[in-house]
C-alpha atoms as a PDB file:
ATOM      1  CA  MET A   1      59.661-105.165-152.244  1.00  0.00           C
ATOM      2  CA  GLN A   2      56.960-103.713-150.037  1.00  0.00           C
ATOM      3  CA  ALA A   3      56.165-105.120-146.623  1.00  0.00           C
ATOM      4  CA  VAL A   4      52.523-104.892-145.475  1.00  0.00           C
ATOM      5  CA  VAL A   5      51.051-105.778-141.999  1.00  0.00           C
ATOM      6  CA  ILE A   6      47.476-107.008-142.175  1.00  0.00           C
ATOM      7  CA  ASP A   7      44.928-107.019-139.454  1.00  0.00           C
ATOM      8  CA  THR A   8      42.490-109.858-138.352  1.00  0.00           C
ATOM      9  CA  ASP A   9      39.707-108.684-140.680  1.00  0.00           C
ATOM     10  CA  VAL A  10      41.962-108.721-143.768  1.00  0.00           C
ATOM     11  CA  ALA A  11      43.524-112.105-142.802  1.00  0.00           C
ATOM     12  CA  SER A  12      40.147-113.632-142.262  1.00  0.00           C
ATOM     13  CA  ALA A  13      38.861-112.251-145.633  1.00  0.00           C
ATOM     14  CA  ILE A  14      41.956-113.866-147.320  1.00  0.00           C
ATOM     15  CA  LEU A  15      41.480-117.206-145.552  1.00  0.00           C
ATOM     16  CA  ARG A  16      37.687-117.168-146.497  1.00  0.00           C
ATOM     17  CA  LYS A  17      38.665-116.368-150.155  1.00  0.00           C
ATOM     18  CA  GLU A  18      36.618-113.132-149.972  1.00  0.00           C
ATOM     19  CA  ALA A  19      39.307-110.662-150.380  1.00  0.00           C
ATOM     20  CA  SER A  20      38.426-107.878-152.884  1.00  0.00           C
ATOM     21  CA  GLU A  21      40.314-107.420-156.071  1.00  0.00           C
ATOM     22  CA  THR A  22      41.802-104.199-154.722  1.00  0.00           C
ATOM     23  CA  LEU A  23      43.160-105.844-151.743  1.00  0.00           C
ATOM     24  CA  ARG A  24      44.685-108.815-153.862  1.00  0.00           C
ATOM     25  CA  THR A  25      46.356-106.328-156.108  1.00  0.00           C
ATOM     26  CA  VAL A  26      47.818-104.465-153.202  1.00  0.00           C
ATOM     27  CA  LEU A  27      49.122-107.628-151.559  1.00  0.00           C
ATOM     28  CA  GLN A  28      50.550-109.134-154.822  1.00  0.00           C
ATOM     29  CA  GLY A  29      54.240-109.438-154.637  1.00  0.00           C
ATOM     30  CA  ALA A  30      54.274-107.888-151.004  1.00  0.00           C
ATOM     31  CA  ILE A  31      55.805-109.500-147.937  1.00  0.00           C
ATOM     32  CA  VAL A  32      52.735-110.013-145.710  1.00  0.00           C
ATOM     33  CA  ALA A  33      53.009-110.153-142.028  1.00  0.00           C
ATOM     34  CA  VAL A  34      50.544-110.189-139.115  1.00  0.00           C
ATOM     35  CA  SER A  35      50.826-109.073-135.580  1.00  0.00           C
ATOM     36  CA  PHE A  36      51.254-111.287-132.627  1.00  0.00           C
ATOM     37  CA  ILE A  37      47.551-110.496-131.597  1.00  0.00           C
ATOM     38  CA  THR A  38      46.243-111.302-135.076  1.00  0.00           C
ATOM     39  CA  ALA A  39      48.194-114.610-135.109  1.00  0.00           C
ATOM     40  CA  GLY A  40      46.558-115.355-131.646  1.00  0.00           C
ATOM     41  CA  GLU A  41      42.940-114.397-132.797  1.00  0.00           C
ATOM     42  CA  LEU A  42      43.208-116.455-135.873  1.00  0.00           C
ATOM     43  CA  GLN A  43      44.338-119.403-133.920  1.00  0.00           C
ATOM     44  CA  ARG A  44      41.500-118.887-131.483  1.00  0.00           C
ATOM     45  CA  TRP A  45      39.049-118.713-134.354  1.00  0.00           C
ATOM     46  CA  ALA A  46      40.259-122.018-135.877  1.00  0.00           C
ATOM     47  CA  HIS A  47      40.062-123.649-132.464  1.00  0.00           C
ATOM     48  CA  ILE A  48      36.483-122.536-131.838  1.00  0.00           C
ATOM     49  CA  ARG A  49      35.451-123.626-135.278  1.00  0.00           C
ATOM     50  CA  ASP A  50      37.372-126.886-135.527  1.00  0.00           C
END
């Protein structure tokens, strides 16, 4: 099993359901992780946009 760390842009695309087919294929079956900074940026994004 492959582990992949994604950045904020990729996480955002996934959450908005705008991830490309290529990206979905690469991430399928992988252990997906985000950095501490990305987690904070996503939390801030959610807070600002309610």
